[in-house]
């Protein structure tokens, strides 16, 4: 029993450390999907979004049955804003939020080469489908995951969120050799106030 309690505390400490690394990122992000029909995929995606620290989640033109998401065991709808827009025209993102479409297109930027906007909403296409022309026209950026063929939408969402968190979060750098310990990231130290003097004050 004592060993189990120690493990629970250890996992809690690790969880709080990871949360600190993620919440140190500037900006925010959201995850959404267009035209989705399978409740299981919706649940898996929004649950992952909740775990990765999304600010809100959304669907666009989703099938009515997609609103039931039994796989979302974290009850994301009671923890985060969950917007259900009926069409692309109804989408009401924050004015400074950059819409990023995730689609396997030739002209799309490969995810490992993409610089994530500080404030972004990522939108995915449905199962066995693609983002609509109207949605693509609204996206400022279009990115793709470098795979040979399309993968499950919930899996794709987790990959994009992982890439965002690892590239923008304040995590330790990977070691140069396998087996080496990662570098310990330095804690940010807030400096004192800086007073800028005009030339006339000199």
Protein backbone atom coordinates (compact mmCIF):
# COMPACT_ATOMS: atom_id res chain seq x y z
CA UNK A 1 0.00 0.00 0.00
CA UNK A 2 2.77 2.43 0.95
CA UNK A 3 4.57 1.67 -2.33
CA UNK A 4 1.37 2.39 -4.25
CA UNK A 5 0.93 5.72 -2.44
CA UNK A 6 4.52 6.70 -3.23
CA UNK A 7 3.92 5.93 -6.90
CA UNK A 8 0.74 8.00 -6.89
CA UNK A 9 2.57 10.97 -5.38
CA UNK A 10 5.40 10.54 -7.89
CA UNK A 11 2.96 10.53 -10.78
CA UNK A 12 1.18 13.57 -9.35
CA UNK A 13 4.48 15.44 -9.13
CA UNK A 14 5.33 14.49 -12.70
CA UNK A 15 1.88 15.59 -13.84
CA UNK A 16 2.16 18.98 -12.15
CA UNK A 17 5.64 19.46 -13.67
CA UNK A 18 4.35 18.70 -17.16
CA UNK A 19 1.40 21.03 -16.61
CA UNK A 20 3.81 23.79 -15.59
CA UNK A 21 5.84 23.27 -18.76
CA UNK A 22 2.72 23.43 -20.94
CA UNK A 23 1.13 26.41 -19.19
CA UNK A 24 4.38 28.38 -19.55
CA UNK A 25 3.63 28.64 -23.28
CA UNK A 26 2.39 31.99 -24.49
CA UNK A 27 -0.94 32.24 -26.23
CA UNK A 28 -3.56 29.50 -26.49
CA UNK A 29 -4.91 26.91 -28.89
CA UNK A 30 -8.11 25.13 -29.78
CA UNK A 31 -8.93 21.89 -31.59
CA UNK A 32 -11.92 21.27 -33.85
CA UNK A 33 -13.22 19.04 -36.60
CA UNK A 34 -15.53 19.58 -39.57
CA UNK A 35 -18.22 17.16 -40.68
CA UNK A 36 -17.41 14.45 -38.17
CA UNK A 37 -19.95 11.67 -37.61
CA UNK A 38 -18.46 9.15 -35.17
CA UNK A 39 -18.99 9.92 -31.46
CA UNK A 40 -15.98 7.81 -30.46
CA UNK A 41 -13.64 9.97 -32.55
CA UNK A 42 -15.12 13.17 -31.12
CA UNK A 43 -14.67 11.88 -27.59
CA UNK A 44 -11.08 10.78 -28.16
CA UNK A 45 -10.14 14.08 -29.77
CA UNK A 46 -11.65 16.39 -27.16
CA UNK A 47 -10.30 14.26 -24.32
CA UNK A 48 -6.79 14.57 -25.80
CA UNK A 49 -7.32 18.30 -26.29
CA UNK A 50 -8.23 18.62 -22.62
CA UNK A 51 -5.10 16.68 -21.63
CA UNK A 52 -2.81 18.81 -23.82
CA UNK A 53 -4.19 22.06 -22.40
CA UNK A 54 -6.54 23.33 -25.13
CA UNK A 55 -8.52 26.47 -24.30
CA UNK A 56 -11.64 25.31 -26.16
CA UNK A 57 -12.86 22.67 -28.59
CA UNK A 58 -15.35 22.82 -31.44
CA UNK A 59 -17.17 20.99 -34.22
CA UNK A 60 -18.47 22.38 -37.51
CA UNK A 61 -21.35 20.81 -39.43
CA UNK A 62 -21.08 17.66 -37.33
CA UNK A 63 -23.57 14.81 -37.51
CA UNK A 64 -26.17 15.08 -34.70
CA UNK A 65 -25.11 11.77 -33.15
CA UNK A 66 -21.51 13.04 -32.88
CA UNK A 67 -22.57 15.11 -29.89
CA UNK A 68 -22.62 11.95 -27.77
CA UNK A 69 -19.01 11.18 -26.87
CA UNK A 70 -18.80 8.26 -24.40
CA UNK A 71 -15.05 7.92 -24.98
CA UNK A 72 -14.49 11.35 -23.40
CA UNK A 73 -14.00 10.01 -19.90
CA UNK A 74 -12.52 13.32 -18.71
CA UNK A 75 -15.91 15.05 -19.32
CA UNK A 76 -14.30 17.82 -21.37
CA UNK A 77 -17.66 19.51 -22.03
CA UNK A 78 -17.90 20.32 -18.32
CA UNK A 79 -14.31 21.64 -18.15
CA UNK A 80 -13.82 23.57 -21.40
CA UNK A 81 -15.99 25.64 -23.75
CA UNK A 82 -17.33 23.28 -26.45
CA UNK A 83 -18.68 25.13 -29.49
CA UNK A 84 -20.90 23.35 -32.01
CA UNK A 85 -21.23 25.47 -35.15
CA UNK A 86 -23.61 24.38 -37.89
CA UNK A 87 -21.54 25.79 -40.76
CA UNK A 88 -18.25 27.46 -41.64
CA UNK A 89 -20.07 30.79 -41.81
CA UNK A 90 -21.27 30.36 -38.22
CA UNK A 91 -17.77 29.94 -36.84
CA UNK A 92 -16.96 32.73 -34.40
CA UNK A 93 -13.31 32.46 -33.44
CA UNK A 94 -11.54 35.20 -31.45
CA UNK A 95 -10.35 38.01 -33.73
CA UNK A 96 -6.67 37.28 -33.06
CA UNK A 97 -7.00 33.50 -33.46
CA UNK A 98 -5.25 32.00 -36.51
CA UNK A 99 -7.13 29.13 -38.16
CA UNK A 100 -4.87 26.25 -39.23
CA UNK A 101 -6.24 23.51 -41.45
CA UNK A 102 -4.78 20.01 -41.19
CA UNK A 103 -5.10 18.26 -44.52
CA UNK A 104 -2.98 15.91 -46.64
CA UNK A 105 -2.43 18.32 -49.55
CA UNK A 106 0.63 18.72 -51.76
CA UNK A 107 0.88 22.43 -50.99
CA UNK A 108 0.45 22.02 -47.23
CA UNK A 109 3.44 22.62 -44.94
CA UNK A 110 4.91 19.54 -43.28
CA UNK A 111 4.16 19.61 -39.56
CA UNK A 112 7.82 19.24 -38.41
CA UNK A 113 8.67 22.39 -40.43
CA UNK A 114 5.71 24.47 -39.26
CA UNK A 115 6.02 27.37 -36.83
CA UNK A 116 2.93 27.25 -34.65
CA UNK A 117 1.14 30.59 -34.15
CA UNK A 118 0.89 31.68 -30.52
CA UNK A 119 -2.91 31.85 -30.80
CA UNK A 120 -4.29 29.15 -33.06
CA UNK A 121 -7.27 26.94 -33.77
CA UNK A 122 -6.56 23.67 -35.59
CA UNK A 123 -9.34 22.15 -37.68
CA UNK A 124 -9.43 18.62 -39.10
CA UNK A 125 -11.57 16.99 -41.75
CA UNK A 126 -14.05 14.14 -41.15
CA UNK A 127 -13.54 10.42 -41.33
CA UNK A 128 -13.06 9.33 -44.94
CA UNK A 129 -13.30 12.94 -46.06
CA UNK A 130 -11.50 16.24 -46.37
CA UNK A 131 -11.92 19.80 -45.23
CA UNK A 132 -14.49 21.63 -47.33
CA UNK A 133 -13.35 24.28 -49.85
CA UNK A 134 -15.10 26.87 -47.68
CA UNK A 135 -13.09 25.81 -44.63
CA UNK A 136 -9.81 25.70 -46.54
CA UNK A 137 -10.48 29.20 -47.87
CA UNK A 138 -10.85 30.45 -44.32
CA UNK A 139 -7.62 28.84 -43.06
CA UNK A 140 -4.57 31.09 -42.92
CA UNK A 141 -2.24 28.09 -42.90
CA UNK A 142 -2.59 24.50 -44.06
CA UNK A 143 -0.34 21.81 -42.62
CA UNK A 144 0.04 18.07 -43.09
CA UNK A 145 1.39 15.20 -41.04
CA UNK A 146 4.09 13.41 -43.07
CA UNK A 147 2.36 10.05 -43.51
CA UNK A 148 1.81 7.88 -46.59
CA UNK A 149 -1.98 8.03 -46.21
CA UNK A 150 -4.64 9.55 -43.98
CA UNK A 151 -4.80 8.45 -40.36
CA UNK A 152 -7.56 8.48 -37.76
CA UNK A 153 -8.72 12.03 -37.05
CA UNK A 154 -8.34 11.72 -33.28
CA UNK A 155 -4.81 10.34 -33.72
CA UNK A 156 -3.95 13.19 -36.07
CA UNK A 157 -5.19 15.69 -33.50
CA UNK A 158 -2.96 14.24 -30.81
CA UNK A 159 0.08 14.37 -33.11
CA UNK A 160 -0.47 18.04 -33.92
CA UNK A 161 -1.01 18.94 -30.27
CA UNK A 162 2.10 17.01 -29.22
CA UNK A 163 4.14 18.86 -31.83
CA UNK A 164 2.81 22.20 -30.60
CA UNK A 165 3.52 21.45 -26.96
CA UNK A 166 7.05 20.13 -27.58
CA UNK A 167 8.01 23.01 -29.89
CA UNK A 168 6.54 25.86 -27.81
CA UNK A 169 6.74 24.47 -24.27
CA UNK A 170 9.71 25.07 -21.97
CA UNK A 171 10.90 21.46 -21.91
CA UNK A 172 14.48 20.31 -21.53
CA UNK A 173 16.39 19.73 -24.76
CA UNK A 174 16.86 16.19 -25.95
CA UNK A 175 20.33 14.77 -25.20
CA UNK A 176 22.75 14.29 -28.09
CA UNK A 177 23.23 10.60 -27.31
CA UNK A 178 20.75 7.88 -26.25
CA UNK A 179 20.87 7.20 -22.53
CA UNK A 180 22.11 10.66 -21.59
CA UNK A 181 20.08 12.71 -19.15
CA UNK A 182 18.25 15.69 -20.67
CA UNK A 183 19.43 19.18 -19.83
CA UNK A 184 17.66 20.78 -16.92
CA UNK A 185 15.84 23.87 -18.21
CA UNK A 186 16.78 27.04 -16.40
CA UNK A 187 14.08 28.74 -14.38
CA UNK A 188 13.06 32.12 -15.71
CA UNK A 189 14.25 34.95 -13.47
CA UNK A 190 12.29 38.17 -13.59
CA UNK A 191 14.65 41.13 -13.82
CA UNK A 192 14.23 44.48 -12.19
CA UNK A 193 12.59 47.48 -13.83
CA UNK A 194 14.53 49.19 -16.62
CA UNK A 195 14.31 52.95 -16.89
CA UNK A 196 14.96 54.34 -20.34
CA UNK A 197 16.38 57.81 -20.34
CA UNK A 198 15.91 60.30 -23.11
CA UNK A 199 19.05 61.92 -24.56
CA UNK A 200 17.92 65.21 -23.03
CA UNK A 201 17.98 63.62 -19.54
CA UNK A 202 21.67 62.72 -19.80
